[in-house]
Amino acid sequence: MMKNNIKAALVMLATFLYTGLVFAAEGGSSDPYASLAAGLGIGIAAFGGALGQGRAAAAALEGIARNPSAAGKLFVPMIIGLALIESLVIYAFLVTFVKIKTG
């Protein structure tokens, strides 16, 4: 269990550092910290979205496993929930690019 927590922490740290470097290399803003903040923001949004989608899918699959006849009733709300979670991540991505381009 401890190894999984360490792996998750390292993946999260790598995501934050990598996105910050990618946005910093673009150099669209005059503020040197705007790129770092944008990279951290999209990293957090992607990480949170992935956690939310994983929990939603796990809950739906657990519900289907407990009651297989409910699969049809769970599928559409699960897809709508996943789409809404993904739209929030895309929104954060767009806000990040707008912030970088406008400075």
Protein backbone atom coordinates (compact mmCIF):
# COMPACT_ATOMS: atom_id res chain seq x y z
CA MET A 1 0.00 0.00 0.00
CA MET A 2 2.83 2.37 0.82
CA LYS A 3 4.47 1.79 -2.58
CA ASN A 4 1.24 2.80 -4.34
CA ASN A 5 1.12 6.07 -2.38
CA ILE A 6 4.73 6.82 -3.26
CA LYS A 7 4.08 6.04 -6.93
CA ALA A 8 1.02 8.31 -6.94
CA ALA A 9 2.99 11.13 -5.33
CA LEU A 10 5.81 10.78 -7.86
CA VAL A 11 3.36 10.76 -10.79
CA MET A 12 1.66 13.86 -9.42
CA LEU A 13 4.98 15.65 -8.93
CA ALA A 14 6.15 14.71 -12.43
CA THR A 15 2.87 15.98 -13.89
CA PHE A 16 3.20 19.31 -12.14
CA LEU A 17 6.84 19.76 -13.12
CA TYR A 18 6.37 18.66 -16.73
CA THR A 19 3.38 20.90 -17.40
CA GLY A 20 5.17 23.85 -15.86
CA LEU A 21 8.17 23.29 -18.12
CA VAL A 22 6.03 22.93 -21.22
CA PHE A 23 4.21 26.18 -20.60
CA ALA A 24 7.39 27.97 -19.56
CA ALA A 25 9.08 26.98 -22.82
CA GLU A 26 6.32 28.69 -24.82
CA GLY A 27 7.12 32.11 -23.36
CA GLY A 28 3.90 33.89 -24.36
CA SER A 29 3.50 35.90 -21.16
CA SER A 30 5.70 38.62 -19.74
CA ASP A 31 5.14 37.37 -16.19
CA PRO A 32 7.70 34.65 -15.42
CA TYR A 33 5.41 32.97 -12.88
CA ALA A 34 2.32 32.93 -15.10
CA SER A 35 3.60 29.93 -17.02
CA LEU A 36 4.42 28.05 -13.85
CA ALA A 37 1.02 28.85 -12.36
CA ALA A 38 -0.72 27.80 -15.57
CA GLY A 39 1.21 24.54 -15.67
CA LEU A 40 0.41 23.77 -12.06
CA GLY A 41 -3.23 24.70 -12.62
CA ILE A 42 -3.74 22.38 -15.57
CA GLY A 43 -1.79 19.64 -13.77
CA ILE A 44 -4.09 19.89 -10.76
CA ALA A 45 -7.18 20.01 -13.00
CA ALA A 46 -6.08 16.93 -14.95
CA PHE A 47 -5.23 15.04 -11.77
CA GLY A 48 -8.53 15.94 -10.13
CA GLY A 49 -10.47 15.06 -13.27
CA ALA A 50 -8.77 11.70 -13.50
CA LEU A 51 -9.58 10.95 -9.87
CA GLY A 52 -13.20 11.98 -10.38
CA GLN A 53 -13.61 9.90 -13.51
CA GLY A 54 -12.02 6.90 -11.86
CA ARG A 55 -14.32 7.12 -8.86
CA ALA A 56 -17.40 7.58 -11.07
CA ALA A 57 -16.52 4.59 -13.23
CA ALA A 58 -15.69 2.46 -10.19
CA ALA A 59 -18.99 3.31 -8.52
CA ALA A 60 -20.95 2.53 -11.68
CA LEU A 61 -19.16 -0.78 -12.19
CA GLU A 62 -19.71 -1.70 -8.55
CA GLY A 63 -23.41 -0.96 -8.95
CA ILE A 64 -23.57 -3.10 -12.09
CA ALA A 65 -21.71 -5.90 -10.32
CA ARG A 66 -24.18 -5.86 -7.44
CA ASN A 67 -27.23 -5.66 -9.71
CA PRO A 68 -26.52 -6.59 -13.35
CA SER A 69 -30.06 -5.71 -14.41
CA ALA A 70 -29.35 -2.05 -13.52
CA ALA A 71 -26.63 -1.71 -16.18
CA GLY A 72 -28.95 0.10 -18.59
CA LYS A 73 -30.06 2.56 -15.93
CA LEU A 74 -26.50 3.32 -14.81
CA PHE A 75 -24.84 3.68 -18.21
CA VAL A 76 -26.34 6.98 -19.39
CA PRO A 77 -25.90 8.88 -16.08
CA MET A 78 -22.32 7.60 -15.86
CA ILE A 79 -21.50 8.84 -19.37
CA ILE A 80 -23.10 12.22 -18.63
CA GLY A 81 -21.10 12.47 -15.40
CA LEU A 82 -17.86 11.59 -17.16
CA ALA A 83 -18.57 14.17 -19.85
CA LEU A 84 -19.20 16.88 -17.26
CA ILE A 85 -16.01 16.03 -15.39
CA GLU A 86 -14.04 16.12 -18.64
CA SER A 87 -15.62 19.44 -19.62
CA LEU A 88 -14.32 21.00 -16.40
CA VAL A 89 -10.80 19.82 -17.21
CA ILE A 90 -11.10 21.21 -20.75
CA TYR A 91 -12.40 24.49 -19.32
CA ALA A 92 -9.35 24.72 -17.04
CA PHE A 93 -7.14 23.98 -20.05
CA LEU A 94 -8.72 26.79 -22.07
CA VAL A 95 -8.47 29.26 -19.19
CA THR A 96 -4.81 28.37 -18.88
CA PHE A 97 -4.14 29.10 -22.54
CA VAL A 98 -6.10 32.36 -22.45
CA LYS A 99 -4.14 33.47 -19.39
CA ILE A 100 -0.81 32.64 -21.02
CA LYS A 101 -1.63 34.36 -24.31
CA THR A 102 -3.03 37.55 -22.75
CA GLY A 103 -0.40 37.76 -20.06
